């Protein structure tokens, strides 16, 4: 357990549910609680930790403005409430983080964005660019356009998917409960589990389905999220979020349940890429082989030949000058684009293609050698 601390993590995703952010009775923002969370985020950022927030609350904030009441909403009403509430949600985070000199950024996602490899890589690149510049991305499901077919449906699983996309070390689910119990809390024999090293059928059986009030996420969705996160090398923790300064409380030993991962995010990603079937190949010159061997990205200038037909985000075989396989990587260009810019410097990409492109043909994070 000593190794599982958010203060030691390089990148942390934190999920905030509607019930924590919005008052159940009035529909108003819990501004004081958000100020405390912002202080926690600022402390982690000062320690050198990248932070991504996955936040519910847009529909809950918007329904009051539109006088939609507290009952069930139709899809159209929910999307209208989200459109109104999203502006207020973004402003609330901006105002809470600004006193700490932190820049907030809004990212809206649907399930399609993680299932489509091109969108997945574009989203991953956006996270990387924002975090490299010190911003705090605020992520929510794009409720204004998502239909049932393209919805995550709950922000527990959205948070886990964001953690995988962004290569996070830890995913924190701030909840209305302090972790997983062997039976419903308060019942006879219910025991709190501080550590889960493997998600077994027995562990899944302990998870309940029910959510309540503004929160849709029951324990079952949290176990599903844990399975997604840990498979990608990201540890996950469930802890009580309703307290003031919830992240500080977690670091101070507040009750929680940790789900451990056996691999690092980088190791898990490399294994995932390495298991893919390539749709084409790029043959490198000797200089490029030496560069990627030193951990560099593959630039177009180092590509001598392009084979096959592939799209952006597709896996391609990386070959040495003699055709020997060196590994597999995810291409940031189509095969036609790669053929056009092969052998050229990155500064020549826009004049050749007629539009700006990425400097690397295959980024080092998208390469398994």
Protein backbone atom coordinates (compact mmCIF):
# COMPACT_ATOMS: atom_id res chain seq x y z
CA UNK A 1 0.00 0.00 0.00
CA UNK A 2 2.85 2.44 0.64
CA UNK A 3 3.61 2.67 -3.08
CA UNK A 4 0.03 3.65 -3.92
CA UNK A 5 -0.06 7.39 -3.24
CA UNK A 6 -1.28 10.11 -5.55
CA UNK A 7 1.53 12.44 -4.46
CA UNK A 8 4.06 10.11 -6.12
CA UNK A 9 2.11 9.76 -9.38
CA UNK A 10 3.19 11.55 -12.53
CA UNK A 11 -0.35 11.82 -13.92
CA UNK A 12 -3.69 11.48 -12.12
CA UNK A 13 -7.27 11.44 -13.42
CA UNK A 14 -9.91 12.50 -10.88
CA UNK A 15 -13.61 11.79 -11.38
CA UNK A 16 -16.17 14.10 -9.75
CA UNK A 17 -19.82 13.07 -9.71
CA UNK A 18 -22.87 15.34 -9.90
CA UNK A 19 -23.88 14.58 -6.31
CA UNK A 20 -20.58 16.04 -5.08
CA UNK A 21 -20.63 19.13 -7.26
CA UNK A 22 -24.31 20.10 -7.24
CA UNK A 23 -26.60 20.47 -4.23
CA UNK A 24 -29.29 17.80 -4.43
CA UNK A 25 -32.09 20.01 -3.08
CA UNK A 26 -31.39 23.40 -4.68
CA UNK A 27 -29.58 22.42 -7.88
CA UNK A 28 -26.92 25.03 -7.06
CA UNK A 29 -23.18 24.56 -7.39
CA UNK A 30 -21.41 23.53 -4.16
CA UNK A 31 -18.93 26.35 -4.58
CA UNK A 32 -17.12 25.93 -1.24
CA UNK A 33 -16.48 22.24 -1.93
CA UNK A 34 -15.13 23.08 -5.39
CA UNK A 35 -12.79 25.70 -3.91
CA UNK A 36 -11.37 23.00 -1.62
CA UNK A 37 -10.92 20.59 -4.52
CA UNK A 38 -9.12 23.31 -6.49
CA UNK A 39 -6.71 23.75 -3.58
CA UNK A 40 -6.02 20.01 -3.64
CA UNK A 41 -5.40 20.14 -7.40
CA UNK A 42 -3.07 23.10 -7.00
CA UNK A 43 -1.06 21.28 -4.32
CA UNK A 44 -0.62 18.24 -6.57
CA UNK A 45 0.31 20.43 -9.54
CA UNK A 46 2.90 22.19 -7.41
CA UNK A 47 4.36 18.77 -6.65
CA UNK A 48 4.81 18.16 -10.39
CA UNK A 49 1.75 15.94 -10.95
CA UNK A 50 -0.34 16.29 -14.12
CA UNK A 51 -4.07 16.46 -13.29
CA UNK A 52 -7.09 15.70 -15.46
CA UNK A 53 -10.58 16.19 -14.03
CA UNK A 54 -13.53 14.16 -15.31
CA UNK A 55 -16.58 16.03 -14.09
CA UNK A 56 -20.31 15.45 -14.16
CA UNK A 57 -22.71 18.27 -13.36
CA UNK A 58 -23.70 19.93 -16.63
CA UNK A 59 -27.21 18.47 -16.77
CA UNK A 60 -27.74 18.97 -13.03
CA UNK A 61 -26.76 22.64 -13.31
CA UNK A 62 -28.70 23.28 -16.51
CA UNK A 63 -32.00 21.68 -15.55
CA UNK A 64 -32.60 24.28 -12.84
CA UNK A 65 -31.92 27.17 -15.21
CA UNK A 66 -34.42 25.72 -17.70
CA UNK A 67 -36.93 24.94 -14.91
CA UNK A 68 -37.06 21.26 -15.86
CA UNK A 69 -37.84 20.07 -12.33
CA UNK A 70 -36.37 17.09 -10.51
CA UNK A 71 -38.07 14.23 -12.36
CA UNK A 72 -36.76 12.09 -15.22
CA UNK A 73 -35.79 13.99 -18.38
CA UNK A 74 -36.32 13.03 -22.01
CA UNK A 75 -33.19 12.78 -24.17
CA UNK A 76 -33.95 16.17 -25.73
CA UNK A 77 -34.47 17.80 -22.34
CA UNK A 78 -31.27 16.28 -20.95
CA UNK A 79 -29.29 17.51 -23.97
CA UNK A 80 -30.79 20.99 -23.64
CA UNK A 81 -29.92 21.06 -19.94
CA UNK A 82 -26.38 19.92 -20.75
CA UNK A 83 -25.97 22.71 -23.31
CA UNK A 84 -26.93 25.33 -20.71
CA UNK A 85 -25.14 23.70 -17.79
CA UNK A 86 -21.86 23.06 -19.60
CA UNK A 87 -21.16 26.79 -19.82
CA UNK A 88 -21.74 27.18 -16.09
CA UNK A 89 -19.68 24.10 -15.26
CA UNK A 90 -16.69 25.31 -17.29
CA UNK A 91 -16.92 28.78 -15.73
CA UNK A 92 -17.08 27.29 -12.22
CA UNK A 93 -13.87 25.34 -12.76
CA UNK A 94 -12.16 28.30 -14.39
CA UNK A 95 -13.04 30.55 -11.43
CA UNK A 96 -11.97 27.92 -8.87
CA UNK A 97 -8.59 27.23 -10.51
CA UNK A 98 -7.69 30.78 -11.58
CA UNK A 99 -6.61 31.97 -8.07
CA UNK A 100 -3.96 29.23 -8.19
CA UNK A 101 -2.73 30.50 -11.59
CA UNK A 102 -3.98 27.30 -13.22
CA UNK A 103 -5.43 27.29 -16.73
CA UNK A 104 -8.51 25.14 -17.27
CA UNK A 105 -9.40 23.52 -20.59
CA UNK A 106 -12.66 21.90 -21.66
CA UNK A 107 -12.76 18.54 -23.49
CA UNK A 108 -16.09 16.91 -24.43
CA UNK A 109 -16.04 13.25 -25.43
CA UNK A 110 -18.37 10.51 -26.61
CA UNK A 111 -17.79 6.76 -26.64
CA UNK A 112 -17.00 6.99 -30.37
CA UNK A 113 -13.95 9.08 -29.53
CA UNK A 114 -12.30 6.17 -27.72
CA UNK A 115 -13.49 3.43 -30.10
CA UNK A 116 -12.27 5.12 -33.29
CA UNK A 117 -8.47 4.88 -33.36
CA UNK A 118 -7.94 8.16 -35.20
CA UNK A 119 -10.09 10.10 -32.76
CA UNK A 120 -8.45 8.25 -29.89
CA UNK A 121 -4.96 9.32 -31.01
CA UNK A 122 -6.10 12.90 -31.67
CA UNK A 123 -7.61 13.09 -28.18
CA UNK A 124 -4.46 11.59 -26.66
CA UNK A 125 -2.35 14.18 -28.49
CA UNK A 126 -4.60 16.99 -27.24
CA UNK A 127 -4.21 15.80 -23.65
CA UNK A 128 -0.43 15.67 -24.09
CA UNK A 129 -0.29 19.20 -25.51
CA UNK A 130 -2.44 20.66 -22.73
CA UNK A 131 -0.59 18.90 -19.92
CA UNK A 132 2.80 19.87 -21.36
CA UNK A 133 1.71 23.49 -21.01
CA UNK A 134 0.48 23.11 -17.45
CA UNK A 135 -3.26 23.23 -18.16
CA UNK A 136 -5.88 21.24 -16.26
CA UNK A 137 -8.24 19.52 -18.72
CA UNK A 138 -11.87 19.31 -17.56
CA UNK A 139 -13.52 16.35 -19.30
CA UNK A 140 -17.19 15.49 -19.57
CA UNK A 141 -19.30 13.32 -21.81
CA UNK A 142 -20.66 15.37 -24.70
CA UNK A 143 -24.27 15.06 -23.56
CA UNK A 144 -25.47 17.66 -26.05
CA UNK A 145 -24.90 15.31 -29.02
CA UNK A 146 -24.46 11.81 -27.58
CA UNK A 147 -27.22 9.27 -28.17
CA UNK A 148 -27.61 6.00 -26.32
CA UNK A 149 -25.57 4.25 -29.00
CA UNK A 150 -22.48 6.42 -28.47
CA UNK A 151 -22.67 7.09 -24.72
CA UNK A 152 -20.43 5.90 -21.96
CA UNK A 153 -23.49 6.26 -19.75
CA UNK A 154 -21.51 6.95 -16.58
CA UNK A 155 -18.44 8.97 -15.71
CA UNK A 156 -16.75 6.11 -13.82
CA UNK A 157 -16.03 4.33 -17.08
CA UNK A 158 -15.38 7.62 -18.86
CA UNK A 159 -12.72 8.42 -16.23
CA UNK A 160 -11.09 5.02 -16.71
CA UNK A 161 -11.02 5.49 -20.48
CA UNK A 162 -9.56 8.98 -20.12
CA UNK A 163 -6.90 7.56 -17.80
CA UNK A 164 -6.00 4.99 -20.46
CA UNK A 165 -5.97 7.63 -23.23
CA UNK A 166 -3.76 9.98 -21.25
CA UNK A 167 -1.41 7.34 -19.83
CA UNK A 168 -2.28 8.15 -16.21
CA UNK A 169 -0.70 6.32 -13.27
CA UNK A 170 -3.75 6.62 -11.00
CA UNK A 171 -7.48 7.13 -11.51
CA UNK A 172 -9.32 8.52 -8.47
CA UNK A 173 -13.09 8.06 -8.21
CA UNK A 174 -14.49 10.54 -5.68
CA UNK A 175 -17.66 8.82 -4.57
CA UNK A 176 -20.43 8.91 -1.98
CA UNK A 177 -18.90 5.78 -0.44
CA UNK A 178 -15.39 5.14 0.86
CA UNK A 179 -14.72 2.04 -1.19
CA UNK A 180 -15.76 -1.55 -1.85
CA UNK A 181 -17.44 -3.65 0.82
CA UNK A 182 -18.05 -7.38 0.91
CA UNK A 183 -21.78 -6.61 1.36
CA UNK A 184 -23.90 -3.43 1.37
CA UNK A 185 -22.39 -1.07 3.98
CA UNK A 186 -24.23 -1.17 7.29
CA UNK A 187 -25.46 -4.72 6.87
CA UNK A 188 -24.29 -7.57 9.07
CA UNK A 189 -20.91 -8.91 8.03
CA UNK A 190 -20.09 -6.04 5.65
CA UNK A 191 -16.32 -5.59 5.60
CA UNK A 192 -14.43 -2.77 3.91
CA UNK A 193 -11.74 -3.89 1.45
CA UNK A 194 -8.76 -1.49 1.42
CA UNK A 195 -6.90 -3.33 -1.38
CA UNK A 196 -7.96 -5.37 -4.41
CA UNK A 197 -5.05 -6.94 -6.28
CA UNK A 198 -7.16 -8.92 -8.74
CA UNK A 199 -10.73 -8.40 -9.96
CA UNK A 200 -12.19 -11.86 -9.56
CA UNK A 201 -15.75 -13.13 -10.02
CA UNK A 202 -16.11 -12.88 -6.25
CA UNK A 203 -15.12 -9.21 -6.30
CA UNK A 204 -17.58 -8.52 -9.12
CA UNK A 205 -20.34 -10.23 -7.14
CA UNK A 206 -19.80 -7.78 -4.28
CA UNK A 207 -20.61 -4.81 -6.52
CA UNK A 208 -24.13 -3.41 -6.41
CA UNK A 209 -26.06 -1.98 -9.34
CA UNK A 210 -27.97 0.80 -7.69
CA UNK A 211 -27.16 4.47 -7.87
CA UNK A 212 -29.18 7.14 -6.12
CA UNK A 213 -30.24 10.75 -6.52
CA UNK A 214 -28.09 12.72 -8.92
CA UNK A 215 -25.51 9.93 -9.16
CA UNK A 216 -25.97 7.22 -11.77
CA UNK A 217 -22.82 5.27 -10.94
CA UNK A 218 -23.29 2.24 -8.73
CA UNK A 219 -20.43 0.06 -7.52
CA UNK A 220 -20.80 -2.19 -10.55
CA UNK A 221 -19.71 0.57 -12.91
CA UNK A 222 -16.75 1.31 -10.63
CA UNK A 223 -15.58 -2.29 -10.84
CA UNK A 224 -15.91 -2.11 -14.63
CA UNK A 225 -13.85 1.07 -14.56
CA UNK A 226 -11.22 -0.62 -12.38
CA UNK A 227 -10.95 -3.48 -14.85
CA UNK A 228 -10.36 -1.05 -17.73
CA UNK A 229 -7.85 1.08 -15.83
CA UNK A 230 -5.76 -1.70 -14.30
CA UNK A 231 -5.54 -3.61 -17.59
CA UNK A 232 -3.85 -0.51 -19.02
CA UNK A 233 -1.39 -0.21 -16.13
CA UNK A 234 -3.31 2.44 -14.19
CA UNK A 235 -4.10 1.92 -10.51
CA UNK A 236 -7.56 3.03 -9.37
CA UNK A 237 -8.89 4.16 -6.02
CA UNK A 238 -12.41 4.75 -4.71
CA UNK A 239 -12.73 7.16 -1.80
CA UNK A 240 -15.29 9.40 -0.07
CA UNK A 241 -15.55 12.65 -2.00
CA UNK A 242 -18.10 14.64 0.01
CA UNK A 243 -15.54 15.76 2.61
CA UNK A 244 -13.69 19.06 2.35
CA UNK A 245 -10.32 18.70 0.57
CA UNK A 246 -11.00 15.07 -0.50
CA UNK A 247 -7.62 14.53 -2.16
CA UNK A 248 -5.79 15.83 0.89
CA UNK A 249 -7.89 13.45 2.99
CA UNK A 250 -6.94 10.55 0.72
CA UNK A 251 -3.26 11.39 1.05
CA UNK A 252 -3.68 11.56 4.83
CA UNK A 253 -5.02 8.01 4.98
CA UNK A 254 -8.78 8.36 4.54
CA UNK A 255 -10.63 5.08 4.01
CA UNK A 256 -10.48 3.92 0.41
CA UNK A 257 -10.21 0.89 -1.84
CA UNK A 258 -7.18 0.63 -4.13
CA UNK A 259 -7.13 -1.54 -7.26
CA UNK A 260 -3.57 -2.32 -8.27
CA UNK A 261 -2.08 -2.72 -11.75
CA UNK A 262 0.66 -5.22 -12.60
CA UNK A 263 2.18 -3.14 -15.41
CA UNK A 264 3.00 0.53 -15.83
CA UNK A 265 0.84 2.48 -18.30
CA UNK A 266 3.78 2.59 -20.72
CA UNK A 267 4.38 -1.17 -20.54
CA UNK A 268 0.69 -1.92 -21.02
CA UNK A 269 0.42 0.39 -24.02
CA UNK A 270 3.50 -1.09 -25.67
CA UNK A 271 2.08 -4.59 -25.19
CA UNK A 272 -1.23 -3.49 -26.74
CA UNK A 273 0.46 -1.98 -29.79
CA UNK A 274 2.84 -4.91 -30.15
CA UNK A 275 -0.07 -7.36 -30.38
CA UNK A 276 -1.68 -5.54 -33.34
CA UNK A 277 -1.67 -6.84 -36.90
CA UNK A 278 0.14 -4.31 -39.14
CA UNK A 279 -1.67 -2.90 -42.16
CA UNK A 280 1.46 -1.66 -43.88
CA UNK A 281 5.16 -1.01 -43.38
CA UNK A 282 7.69 1.80 -43.28
CA UNK A 283 11.36 1.07 -44.06
CA UNK A 284 13.88 3.29 -42.31
CA UNK A 285 17.36 4.49 -43.12
CA UNK A 286 20.26 3.77 -40.75
CA UNK A 287 20.02 7.18 -39.08
CA UNK A 288 16.37 6.71 -38.20
CA UNK A 289 17.05 3.22 -36.82
CA UNK A 290 19.68 4.70 -34.52
CA UNK A 291 17.34 7.54 -33.48
CA UNK A 292 14.38 5.34 -32.50
CA UNK A 293 16.84 3.08 -30.68
CA UNK A 294 17.64 6.11 -28.50
CA UNK A 295 13.94 6.60 -27.74
CA UNK A 296 13.21 9.23 -30.38
CA UNK A 297 10.06 9.50 -32.48
CA UNK A 298 10.16 8.50 -36.14
CA UNK A 299 10.32 11.57 -38.37
CA UNK A 300 9.41 11.50 -42.09
CA UNK A 301 13.02 12.33 -43.01
CA UNK A 302 14.13 8.89 -41.81
CA UNK A 303 11.63 6.92 -43.93
CA UNK A 304 13.05 5.45 -47.15
CA UNK A 305 10.01 3.46 -48.29
CA UNK A 306 6.29 3.06 -47.51
CA UNK A 307 4.37 -0.14 -48.23
CA UNK A 308 0.70 -1.13 -48.00
CA UNK A 309 -2.50 0.84 -47.58
CA UNK A 310 -3.33 2.26 -44.15
CA UNK A 311 -5.19 5.11 -42.47
CA UNK A 312 -4.17 7.45 -39.68
CA UNK A 313 -4.00 5.55 -36.43
CA UNK A 314 -3.46 2.17 -38.11
CA UNK A 315 -0.60 -0.11 -36.98
CA UNK A 316 2.35 -0.39 -39.37
CA UNK A 317 5.48 -2.56 -39.27
CA UNK A 318 8.71 -0.67 -38.68
CA UNK A 319 11.57 -2.14 -40.73
CA UNK A 320 15.31 -1.58 -40.89
CA UNK A 321 17.17 -0.84 -44.15
CA UNK A 322 17.43 -4.59 -44.84
CA UNK A 323 13.71 -5.20 -44.28
CA UNK A 324 14.15 -6.78 -40.86
CA UNK A 325 11.20 -6.09 -38.53
CA UNK A 326 12.07 -3.70 -35.70
CA UNK A 327 8.60 -3.28 -34.20
CA UNK A 328 5.10 -1.89 -34.73
CA UNK A 329 3.83 1.67 -34.47
CA UNK A 330 0.64 3.67 -34.96
CA UNK A 331 0.95 5.95 -37.98
CA UNK A 332 -0.06 9.58 -37.70
CA UNK A 333 -0.51 9.74 -41.47
CA UNK A 334 -2.28 7.74 -44.15
CA UNK A 335 -0.15 5.62 -46.48
CA UNK A 336 -0.62 8.18 -49.28
CA UNK A 337 0.47 11.03 -47.02
CA UNK A 338 3.41 8.99 -45.68
CA UNK A 339 4.61 8.25 -49.22
CA UNK A 340 4.42 11.94 -50.12
CA UNK A 341 6.45 13.17 -47.13
CA UNK A 342 8.90 10.22 -46.82
CA UNK A 343 12.48 11.45 -46.83
CA UNK A 344 11.47 15.06 -46.20
CA UNK A 345 12.07 17.25 -43.18
CA UNK A 346 9.14 18.14 -40.90
CA UNK A 347 9.26 21.78 -42.07
CA UNK A 348 8.38 20.56 -45.59
CA UNK A 349 5.20 18.68 -44.57
CA UNK A 350 2.79 21.59 -44.98
CA UNK A 351 4.11 22.69 -48.42
CA UNK A 352 3.92 19.09 -49.67
CA UNK A 353 0.51 18.15 -48.28
CA UNK A 354 -1.08 21.59 -48.46
CA UNK A 355 -2.07 21.56 -44.79
CA UNK A 356 -0.24 21.42 -41.44
CA UNK A 357 0.74 18.00 -40.11
CA UNK A 358 2.38 16.48 -37.09
CA UNK A 359 6.17 16.54 -36.91
CA UNK A 360 6.45 12.79 -36.23
CA UNK A 361 5.24 10.06 -38.55
CA UNK A 362 5.14 7.68 -35.56
CA UNK A 363 5.43 9.14 -32.07
CA UNK A 364 7.67 7.29 -29.64
CA UNK A 365 4.69 6.71 -27.30
CA UNK A 366 2.89 4.93 -30.14
CA UNK A 367 5.78 2.59 -30.92
CA UNK A 368 6.54 -0.94 -29.65
CA UNK A 369 10.06 -2.04 -30.62
